[in-house]
Amino acid sequence: VVYLKDIVKDGLRERFDELRAMGIRTVMITGDNAL
């Protein structure tokens, strides 16, 4: 198996925490499998 990695953009977790503080729910949409 070749392990292909998706690189998550820097600082996203902190920014999503700010959105949560604003009362905004974040939902990621993808064509990938559930795992």
PDB file of all heavy atoms in Angstrom:
ATOM      1  N   VAL A   1       0.845  -1.198   0.000  1.00  0.00           N
ATOM      2  CA  VAL A   1       0.000   0.000   0.000  1.00  0.00           C
ATOM      3  C   VAL A   1       0.880   1.248   0.000  1.00  0.00           C
ATOM      4  O   VAL A   1       1.894   1.307   0.705  1.00  0.00           O
ATOM      5  CB  VAL A   1      -0.926   0.013   1.234  1.00  0.00           C
ATOM      6  CG1 VAL A   1      -1.719   1.314   1.310  1.00  0.00           C
ATOM      7  CG2 VAL A   1      -1.865  -1.182   1.219  1.00  0.00           C
ATOM      8  N   VAL A   2       0.487   2.222  -0.806  1.00  0.00           N
ATOM      9  CA  VAL A   2       1.108   3.550  -0.749  1.00  0.00           C
ATOM     10  C   VAL A   2       0.190   4.447   0.086  1.00  0.00           C
ATOM     11  O   VAL A   2      -1.002   4.581  -0.219  1.00  0.00           O
ATOM     12  CB  VAL A   2       1.300   4.158  -2.150  1.00  0.00           C
ATOM     13  CG1 VAL A   2       1.929   5.542  -2.035  1.00  0.00           C
ATOM     14  CG2 VAL A   2       2.159   3.252  -3.009  1.00  0.00           C
ATOM     15  N   TYR A   3       0.750   5.026   1.128  1.00  0.00           N
ATOM     16  CA  TYR A   3      -0.021   5.881   2.033  1.00  0.00           C
ATOM     17  C   TYR A   3       0.003   7.312   1.478  1.00  0.00           C
ATOM     18  O   TYR A   3       1.015   7.997   1.523  1.00  0.00           O
ATOM     19  CB  TYR A   3       0.603   5.806   3.427  1.00  0.00           C
ATOM     20  CG  TYR A   3       0.055   6.750   4.478  1.00  0.00           C
ATOM     21  CD1 TYR A   3      -1.159   7.423   4.322  1.00  0.00           C
ATOM     22  CD2 TYR A   3       0.750   6.947   5.674  1.00  0.00           C
ATOM     23  CE1 TYR A   3      -1.642   8.264   5.290  1.00  0.00           C
ATOM     24  CE2 TYR A   3       0.278   7.793   6.656  1.00  0.00           C
ATOM     25  CZ  TYR A   3      -0.916   8.453   6.458  1.00  0.00           C
ATOM     26  OH  TYR A   3      -1.403   9.295   7.432  1.00  0.00           O
ATOM     27  N   LEU A   4      -1.149   7.748   0.907  1.00  0.00           N
ATOM     28  CA  LEU A   4      -1.312   9.130   0.428  1.00  0.00           C
ATOM     29  C   LEU A   4      -1.976   9.943   1.528  1.00  0.00           C
ATOM     30  O   LEU A   4      -3.050   9.570   2.018  1.00  0.00           O
ATOM     31  CB  LEU A   4      -2.155   9.180  -0.843  1.00  0.00           C
ATOM     32  CG  LEU A   4      -1.594   8.492  -2.089  1.00  0.00           C
ATOM     33  CD1 LEU A   4      -2.573   8.634  -3.244  1.00  0.00           C
ATOM     34  CD2 LEU A   4      -0.241   9.056  -2.463  1.00  0.00           C
ATOM     35  N   LYS A   5      -1.340  11.022   1.887  1.00  0.00           N
ATOM     36  CA  LYS A   5      -1.835  11.787   3.030  1.00  0.00           C
ATOM     37  C   LYS A   5      -2.427  13.118   2.601  1.00  0.00           C
ATOM     38  O   LYS A   5      -1.834  13.860   1.817  1.00  0.00           O
ATOM     39  CB  LYS A   5      -0.695  12.042   4.025  1.00  0.00           C
ATOM     40  CG  LYS A   5      -1.147  12.728   5.305  1.00  0.00           C
ATOM     41  CD  LYS A   5       0.005  12.875   6.290  1.00  0.00           C
ATOM     42  CE  LYS A   5      -0.479  13.520   7.582  1.00  0.00           C
ATOM     43  NZ  LYS A   5       0.625  13.703   8.549  1.00  0.00           N
ATOM     44  N   ASP A   6      -3.630  13.405   3.114  1.00  0.00           N
ATOM     45  CA  ASP A   6      -4.232  14.736   2.959  1.00  0.00           C
ATOM     46  C   ASP A   6      -3.634  15.644   4.027  1.00  0.00           C
ATOM     47  O   ASP A   6      -3.660  15.313   5.217  1.00  0.00           O
ATOM     48  CB  ASP A   6      -5.753  14.670   3.151  1.00  0.00           C
ATOM     49  CG  ASP A   6      -6.461  14.230   1.884  1.00  0.00           C
ATOM     50  OD1 ASP A   6      -6.170  14.801   0.832  1.00  0.00           O
ATOM     51  OD2 ASP A   6      -7.287  13.312   1.966  1.00  0.00           O
ATOM     52  N   ILE A   7      -3.118  16.775   3.614  1.00  0.00           N
ATOM     53  CA  ILE A   7      -2.487  17.707   4.549  1.00  0.00           C
ATOM     54  C   ILE A   7      -3.513  18.753   4.969  1.00  0.00           C
ATOM     55  O   ILE A   7      -3.996  19.532   4.146  1.00  0.00           O
ATOM     56  CB  ILE A   7      -1.267  18.398   3.916  1.00  0.00           C
ATOM     57  CG1 ILE A   7      -0.319  17.358   3.306  1.00  0.00           C
ATOM     58  CG2 ILE A   7      -0.555  19.259   4.942  1.00  0.00           C
ATOM     59  CD1 ILE A   7       0.237  16.378   4.296  1.00  0.00           C
ATOM     60  N   VAL A   8      -3.858  18.754   6.250  1.00  0.00           N
ATOM     61  CA  VAL A   8      -4.815  19.729   6.779  1.00  0.00           C
ATOM     62  C   VAL A   8      -4.129  21.093   6.893  1.00  0.00           C
ATOM     63  O   VAL A   8      -2.983  21.191   7.326  1.00  0.00           O
ATOM     64  CB  VAL A   8      -5.341  19.285   8.160  1.00  0.00           C
ATOM     65  CG1 VAL A   8      -6.230  20.372   8.783  1.00  0.00           C
ATOM     66  CG2 VAL A   8      -6.118  17.992   8.030  1.00  0.00           C
ATOM     67  N   LYS A   9      -4.812  22.130   6.465  1.00  0.00           N
ATOM     68  CA  LYS A   9      -4.242  23.470   6.491  1.00  0.00           C
ATOM     69  C   LYS A   9      -3.959  23.921   7.920  1.00  0.00           C
ATOM     70  O   LYS A   9      -4.705  23.600   8.848  1.00  0.00           O
ATOM     71  CB  LYS A   9      -5.186  24.457   5.793  1.00  0.00           C
ATOM     72  CG  LYS A   9      -5.326  24.175   4.305  1.00  0.00           C
ATOM     73  CD  LYS A   9      -6.166  25.207   3.601  1.00  0.00           C
ATOM     74  CE  LYS A   9      -6.225  24.920   2.100  1.00  0.00           C
ATOM     75  NZ  LYS A   9      -7.026  25.904   1.374  1.00  0.00           N
ATOM     76  N   ASP A  10      -2.873  24.668   8.057  1.00  0.00           N
ATOM     77  CA  ASP A  10      -2.419  25.106   9.379  1.00  0.00           C
ATOM     78  C   ASP A  10      -3.437  26.027  10.049  1.00  0.00           C
ATOM     79  O   ASP A  10      -4.071  26.860   9.403  1.00  0.00           O
ATOM     80  CB  ASP A  10      -1.082  25.851   9.254  1.00  0.00           C
ATOM     81  CG  ASP A  10       0.023  24.963   8.699  1.00  0.00           C
ATOM     82  OD1 ASP A  10      -0.071  23.744   8.895  1.00  0.00           O
ATOM     83  OD2 ASP A  10       0.961  25.508   8.073  1.00  0.00           O
ATOM     84  N   GLY A  11      -3.552  25.867  11.365  1.00  0.00           N
ATOM     85  CA  GLY A  11      -4.369  26.775  12.170  1.00  0.00           C
ATOM     86  C   GLY A  11      -5.865  26.573  12.087  1.00  0.00           C
ATOM     87  O   GLY A  11      -6.630  27.369  12.643  1.00  0.00           O
ATOM     88  N   LEU A  12      -6.308  25.488  11.407  1.00  0.00           N
ATOM     89  CA  LEU A  12      -7.756  25.307  11.247  1.00  0.00           C
ATOM     90  C   LEU A  12      -8.458  25.025  12.568  1.00  0.00           C
ATOM     91  O   LEU A  12      -9.554  25.538  12.806  1.00  0.00           O
ATOM     92  CB  LEU A  12      -8.038  24.168  10.269  1.00  0.00           C
ATOM     93  CG  LEU A  12      -8.066  24.529   8.784  1.00  0.00           C
ATOM     94  CD1 LEU A  12      -8.480  23.332   7.959  1.00  0.00           C
ATOM     95  CD2 LEU A  12      -9.020  25.664   8.527  1.00  0.00           C
ATOM     96  N   ARG A  13      -7.854  24.200  13.407  1.00  0.00           N
ATOM     97  CA  ARG A  13      -8.525  23.843  14.665  1.00  0.00           C
ATOM     98  C   ARG A  13      -8.826  25.083  15.495  1.00  0.00           C
ATOM     99  O   ARG A  13      -9.931  25.222  16.041  1.00  0.00           O
ATOM    100  CB  ARG A  13      -7.660  22.851  15.453  1.00  0.00           C
ATOM    101  CG  ARG A  13      -8.252  22.474  16.814  1.00  0.00           C
ATOM    102  CD  ARG A  13      -7.447  21.388  17.484  1.00  0.00           C
ATOM    103  NE  ARG A  13      -7.649  20.101  16.847  1.00  0.00           N
ATOM    104  CZ  ARG A  13      -8.667  19.288  17.128  1.00  0.00           C
ATOM    105  NH1 ARG A  13      -9.582  19.660  18.022  1.00  0.00           N
ATOM    106  NH2 ARG A  13      -8.783  18.134  16.534  1.00  0.00           N
ATOM    107  N   GLU A  14      -7.871  25.976  15.602  1.00  0.00           N
ATOM    108  CA  GLU A  14      -8.088  27.195  16.388  1.00  0.00           C
ATOM    109  C   GLU A  14      -9.182  28.058  15.771  1.00  0.00           C
ATOM    110  O   GLU A  14     -10.004  28.649  16.475  1.00  0.00           O
ATOM    111  CB  GLU A  14      -6.784  27.996  16.489  1.00  0.00           C
ATOM    112  CG  GLU A  14      -5.678  27.340  17.308  1.00  0.00           C
ATOM    113  CD  GLU A  14      -4.992  26.206  16.560  1.00  0.00           C
ATOM    114  OE1 GLU A  14      -5.197  26.101  15.317  1.00  0.00           O
ATOM    115  OE2 GLU A  14      -4.263  25.423  17.199  1.00  0.00           O
ATOM    116  N   ARG A  15      -9.200  28.139  14.445  1.00  0.00           N
ATOM    117  CA  ARG A  15     -10.205  28.956  13.764  1.00  0.00           C
ATOM    118  C   ARG A  15     -11.600  28.363  13.929  1.00  0.00           C
ATOM    119  O   ARG A  15     -12.583  29.082  14.110  1.00  0.00           O
ATOM    120  CB  ARG A  15      -9.866  29.090  12.286  1.00  0.00           C
ATOM    121  CG  ARG A  15      -8.501  29.677  12.006  1.00  0.00           C
ATOM    122  CD  ARG A  15      -8.482  31.169  12.203  1.00  0.00           C
ATOM    123  NE  ARG A  15      -8.842  31.878  10.995  1.00  0.00           N
ATOM    124  CZ  ARG A  15      -8.995  33.190  10.915  1.00  0.00           C
ATOM    125  NH1 ARG A  15      -8.838  33.934  11.985  1.00  0.00           N
ATOM    126  NH2 ARG A  15      -9.320  33.758   9.784  1.00  0.00           N
ATOM    127  N   PHE A  16     -11.679  27.035  13.883  1.00  0.00           N
ATOM    128  CA  PHE A  16     -12.980  26.391  14.083  1.00  0.00           C
ATOM    129  C   PHE A  16     -13.455  26.557  15.525  1.00  0.00           C
ATOM    130  O   PHE A  16     -14.663  26.603  15.785  1.00  0.00           O
ATOM    131  CB  PHE A  16     -12.910  24.913  13.706  1.00  0.00           C
ATOM    132  CG  PHE A  16     -12.804  24.676  12.220  1.00  0.00           C
ATOM    133  CD1 PHE A  16     -12.091  23.599  11.716  1.00  0.00           C
ATOM    134  CD2 PHE A  16     -13.407  25.534  11.320  1.00  0.00           C
ATOM    135  CE1 PHE A  16     -11.988  23.387  10.355  1.00  0.00           C
ATOM    136  CE2 PHE A  16     -13.309  25.337   9.958  1.00  0.00           C
ATOM    137  CZ  PHE A  16     -12.599  24.256   9.470  1.00  0.00           C
ATOM    138  N   ASP A  17     -12.524  26.644  16.463  1.00  0.00           N
ATOM    139  CA  ASP A  17     -12.903  26.927  17.850  1.00  0.00           C
ATOM    140  C   ASP A  17     -13.547  28.314  17.941  1.00  0.00           C
ATOM    141  O   ASP A  17     -14.515  28.514  18.687  1.00  0.00           O
ATOM    142  CB  ASP A  17     -11.670  26.864  18.760  1.00  0.00           C
ATOM    143  CG  ASP A  17     -11.190  25.432  18.990  1.00  0.00           C
ATOM    144  OD1 ASP A  17     -11.985  24.498  18.750  1.00  0.00           O
ATOM    145  OD2 ASP A  17     -10.029  25.254  19.398  1.00  0.00           O
ATOM    146  N   GLU A  18     -13.007  29.278  17.162  1.00  0.00           N
ATOM    147  CA  GLU A  18     -13.605  30.617  17.137  1.00  0.00           C
ATOM    148  C   GLU A  18     -15.021  30.575  16.578  1.00  0.00           C
ATOM    149  O   GLU A  18     -15.930  31.230  17.098  1.00  0.00           O
ATOM    150  CB  GLU A  18     -12.748  31.555  16.284  1.00  0.00           C
ATOM    151  CG  GLU A  18     -11.414  31.941  16.902  1.00  0.00           C
ATOM    152  CD  GLU A  18     -10.680  32.953  16.042  1.00  0.00           C
ATOM    153  OE1 GLU A  18     -11.305  33.964  15.671  1.00  0.00           O
ATOM    154  OE2 GLU A  18      -9.503  32.725  15.728  1.00  0.00           O
ATOM    155  N   LEU A  19     -15.215  29.794  15.507  1.00  0.00           N
ATOM    156  CA  LEU A  19     -16.552  29.665  14.927  1.00  0.00           C
ATOM    157  C   LEU A  19     -17.519  29.065  15.931  1.00  0.00           C
ATOM    158  O   LEU A  19     -18.679  29.473  16.025  1.00  0.00           O
ATOM    159  CB  LEU A  19     -16.496  28.795  13.668  1.00  0.00           C
ATOM    160  CG  LEU A  19     -15.886  29.441  12.424  1.00  0.00           C
ATOM    161  CD1 LEU A  19     -15.697  28.412  11.328  1.00  0.00           C
ATOM    162  CD2 LEU A  19     -16.768  30.570  11.920  1.00  0.00           C
ATOM    163  N   ARG A  20     -17.032  28.080  16.684  1.00  0.00           N
ATOM    164  CA  ARG A  20     -17.890  27.442  17.687  1.00  0.00           C
ATOM    165  C   ARG A  20     -18.300  28.461  18.749  1.00  0.00           C
ATOM    166  O   ARG A  20     -19.441  28.443  19.229  1.00  0.00           O
ATOM    167  CB  ARG A  20     -17.128  26.272  18.307  1.00  0.00           C
ATOM    168  CG  ARG A  20     -18.009  25.236  19.000  1.00  0.00           C
ATOM    169  CD  ARG A  20     -17.218  23.989  19.368  1.00  0.00           C
ATOM    170  NE  ARG A  20     -16.786  23.265  18.178  1.00  0.00           N
ATOM    171  CZ  ARG A  20     -15.522  23.170  17.773  1.00  0.00           C
ATOM    172  NH1 ARG A  20     -14.561  23.761  18.461  1.00  0.00           N
ATOM    173  NH2 ARG A  20     -15.223  22.489  16.701  1.00  0.00           N
ATOM    174  N   ALA A  21     -17.367  29.351  19.114  1.00  0.00           N
ATOM    175  CA  ALA A  21     -17.685  30.394  20.096  1.00  0.00           C
ATOM    176  C   ALA A  21     -18.722  31.362  19.558  1.00  0.00           C
ATOM    177  O   ALA A  21     -19.459  31.987  20.322  1.00  0.00           O
ATOM    178  CB  ALA A  21     -16.410  31.142  20.483  1.00  0.00           C
ATOM    179  N   MET A  22     -18.805  31.504  18.232  1.00  0.00           N
ATOM    180  CA  MET A  22     -19.809  32.356  17.606  1.00  0.00           C
ATOM    181  C   MET A  22     -21.154  31.652  17.469  1.00  0.00           C
ATOM    182  O   MET A  22     -22.107  32.233  16.967  1.00  0.00           O
ATOM    183  CB  MET A  22     -19.345  32.782  16.207  1.00  0.00           C
ATOM    184  CG  MET A  22     -18.133  33.685  16.192  1.00  0.00           C
ATOM    185  SD  MET A  22     -17.695  34.101  14.467  1.00  0.00           S
ATOM    186  CE  MET A  22     -16.176  35.006  14.713  1.00  0.00           C
ATOM    187  N   GLY A  23     -21.211  30.379  17.876  1.00  0.00           N
ATOM    188  CA  GLY A  23     -22.453  29.623  17.757  1.00  0.00           C
ATOM    189  C   GLY A  23     -22.648  28.992  16.396  1.00  0.00           C
ATOM    190  O   GLY A  23     -23.776  28.681  16.008  1.00  0.00           O
ATOM    191  N   ILE A  24     -21.542  28.786  15.668  1.00  0.00           N
ATOM    192  CA  ILE A  24     -21.627  28.217  14.323  1.00  0.00           C
ATOM    193  C   ILE A  24     -21.143  26.776  14.335  1.00  0.00           C
ATOM    194  O   ILE A  24     -20.049  26.483  14.832  1.00  0.00           O
ATOM    195  CB  ILE A  24     -20.786  29.042  13.333  1.00  0.00           C
ATOM    196  CG1 ILE A  24     -21.333  30.470  13.252  1.00  0.00           C
ATOM    197  CG2 ILE A  24     -20.774  28.402  11.945  1.00  0.00           C
ATOM    198  CD1 ILE A  24     -20.490  31.400  12.420  1.00  0.00           C
ATOM    199  N   ARG A  25     -21.960  25.890  13.807  1.00  0.00           N
ATOM    200  CA  ARG A  25     -21.627  24.462  13.726  1.00  0.00           C
ATOM    201  C   ARG A  25     -20.938  24.188  12.396  1.00  0.00           C
ATOM    202  O   ARG A  25     -21.404  24.595  11.346  1.00  0.00           O
ATOM    203  CB  ARG A  25     -22.918  23.639  13.840  1.00  0.00           C
ATOM    204  CG  ARG A  25     -22.760  22.140  13.650  1.00  0.00           C
ATOM    205  CD  ARG A  25     -24.078  21.451  13.998  1.00  0.00           C
ATOM    206  NE  ARG A  25     -24.123  20.088  13.510  1.00  0.00           N
ATOM    207  CZ  ARG A  25     -24.684  19.727  12.364  1.00  0.00           C
ATOM    208  NH1 ARG A  25     -25.284  20.657  11.608  1.00  0.00           N
ATOM    209  NH2 ARG A  25     -24.693  18.472  11.979  1.00  0.00           N
ATOM    210  N   THR A  26     -19.793  23.492  12.436  1.00  0.00           N
ATOM    211  CA  THR A  26     -19.026  23.210  11.223  1.00  0.00           C
ATOM    212  C   THR A  26     -19.204  21.751  10.810  1.00  0.00           C
ATOM    213  O   THR A  26     -19.125  20.844  11.641  1.00  0.00           O
ATOM    214  CB  THR A  26     -17.534  23.506  11.439  1.00  0.00           C
ATOM    215  OG1 THR A  26     -17.067  22.809  12.603  1.00  0.00           O
ATOM    216  CG2 THR A  26     -17.306  24.995  11.631  1.00  0.00           C
ATOM    217  N   VAL A  27     -19.431  21.563   9.513  1.00  0.00           N
ATOM    218  CA  VAL A  27     -19.631  20.213   8.965  1.00  0.00           C
ATOM    219  C   VAL A  27     -18.719  20.053   7.746  1.00  0.00           C
ATOM    220  O   VAL A  27     -18.794  20.845   6.804  1.00  0.00           O
ATOM    221  CB  VAL A  27     -21.097  19.980   8.546  1.00  0.00           C
ATOM    222  CG1 VAL A  27     -21.273  18.563   8.002  1.00  0.00           C
ATOM    223  CG2 VAL A  27     -22.034  20.222   9.721  1.00  0.00           C
ATOM    224  N   MET A  28     -17.855  19.038   7.785  1.00  0.00           N
ATOM    225  CA  MET A  28     -16.979  18.746   6.649  1.00  0.00           C
ATOM    226  C   MET A  28     -17.688  17.788   5.693  1.00  0.00           C
ATOM    227  O   MET A  28     -18.294  16.810   6.125  1.00  0.00           O
ATOM    228  CB  MET A  28     -15.675  18.109   7.139  1.00  0.00           C
ATOM    229  CG  MET A  28     -14.678  17.820   6.031  1.00  0.00           C
ATOM    230  SD  MET A  28     -13.240  16.893   6.629  1.00  0.00           S
ATOM    231  CE  MET A  28     -13.951  15.238   6.770  1.00  0.00           C
ATOM    232  N   ILE A  29     -17.601  18.093   4.395  1.00  0.00           N
ATOM    233  CA  ILE A  29     -18.227  17.246   3.378  1.00  0.00           C
ATOM    234  C   ILE A  29     -17.129  16.686   2.485  1.00  0.00           C
ATOM    235  O   ILE A  29     -16.257  17.428   2.012  1.00  0.00           O
ATOM    236  CB  ILE A  29     -19.230  18.045   2.523  1.00  0.00           C
ATOM    237  CG1 ILE A  29     -20.282  18.702   3.424  1.00  0.00           C
ATOM    238  CG2 ILE A  29     -19.892  17.164   1.502  1.00  0.00           C
ATOM    239  CD1 ILE A  29     -21.256  19.572   2.677  1.00  0.00           C
ATOM    240  N   THR A  30     -17.158  15.365   2.252  1.00  0.00           N
ATOM    241  CA  THR A  30     -16.115  14.746   1.444  1.00  0.00           C
ATOM    242  C   THR A  30     -16.645  13.509   0.735  1.00  0.00           C
ATOM    243  O   THR A  30     -17.625  12.893   1.179  1.00  0.00           O
ATOM    244  CB  THR A  30     -14.911  14.347   2.331  1.00  0.00           C
ATOM    245  OG1 THR A  30     -13.936  13.679   1.535  1.00  0.00           O
ATOM    246  CG2 THR A  30     -15.344  13.431   3.459  1.00  0.00           C
ATOM    247  N   GLY A  31     -15.996  13.172  -0.347  1.00  0.00           N
ATOM    248  CA  GLY A  31     -16.319  11.940  -1.060  1.00  0.00           C
ATOM    249  C   GLY A  31     -15.554  10.751  -0.534  1.00  0.00           C
ATOM    250  O   GLY A  31     -15.751   9.619  -0.992  1.00  0.00           O
ATOM    251  N   ASP A  32     -14.657  10.974   0.447  1.00  0.00           N
ATOM    252  CA  ASP A  32     -13.875   9.880   1.019  1.00  0.00           C
ATOM    253  C   ASP A  32     -14.752   8.950   1.847  1.00  0.00           C
ATOM    254  O   ASP A  32     -15.886   9.297   2.230  1.00  0.00           O
ATOM    255  CB  ASP A  32     -12.758  10.441   1.903  1.00  0.00           C
ATOM    256  CG  ASP A  32     -11.673  11.102   1.084  1.00  0.00           C
ATOM    257  OD1 ASP A  32     -11.585  10.802  -0.121  1.00  0.00           O
ATOM    258  OD2 ASP A  32     -10.929  11.922   1.644  1.00  0.00           O
ATOM    259  N   ASN A  33     -14.173   7.788   2.176  1.00  0.00           N
ATOM    260  CA  ASN A  33     -14.911   6.844   3.022  1.00  0.00           C
ATOM    261  C   ASN A  33     -15.012   7.384   4.446  1.00  0.00           C
ATOM    262  O   ASN A  33     -14.325   8.345   4.824  1.00  0.00           O
ATOM    263  CB  ASN A  33     -14.231   5.469   3.008  1.00  0.00           C
ATOM    264  CG  ASN A  33     -12.804   5.519   3.531  1.00  0.00           C
ATOM    265  OD1 ASN A  33     -12.569   5.834   4.683  1.00  0.00           O
ATOM    266  ND2 ASN A  33     -11.840   5.215   2.667  1.00  0.00           N
ATOM    267  N   ALA A  34     -15.867   6.750   5.243  1.00  0.00           N
ATOM    268  CA  ALA A  34     -16.174   7.255   6.585  1.00  0.00           C
ATOM    269  C   ALA A  34     -14.952   7.259   7.494  1.00  0.00           C
ATOM    270  O   ALA A  34     -14.790   8.170   8.319  1.00  0.00           O
ATOM    271  CB  ALA A  34     -17.292   6.421   7.209  1.00  0.00           C
ATOM    272  N   LEU A  35     -14.083   6.254   7.376  1.00  0.00           N
ATOM    273  CA  LEU A  35     -12.904   6.190   8.239  1.00  0.00           C
ATOM    274  C   LEU A  35     -11.963   7.360   7.954  1.00  0.00           C
ATOM    275  O   LEU A  35     -11.487   8.033   8.872  1.00  0.00           O
ATOM    276  CB  LEU A  35     -12.169   4.863   8.026  1.00  0.00           C
ATOM    277  CG  LEU A  35     -12.823   3.621   8.638  1.00  0.00           C
ATOM    278  CD1 LEU A  35     -12.060   2.362   8.233  1.00  0.00           C
ATOM    279  CD2 LEU A  35     -12.858   3.738  10.163  1.00  0.00           C
TER     280      LEU A  35
END
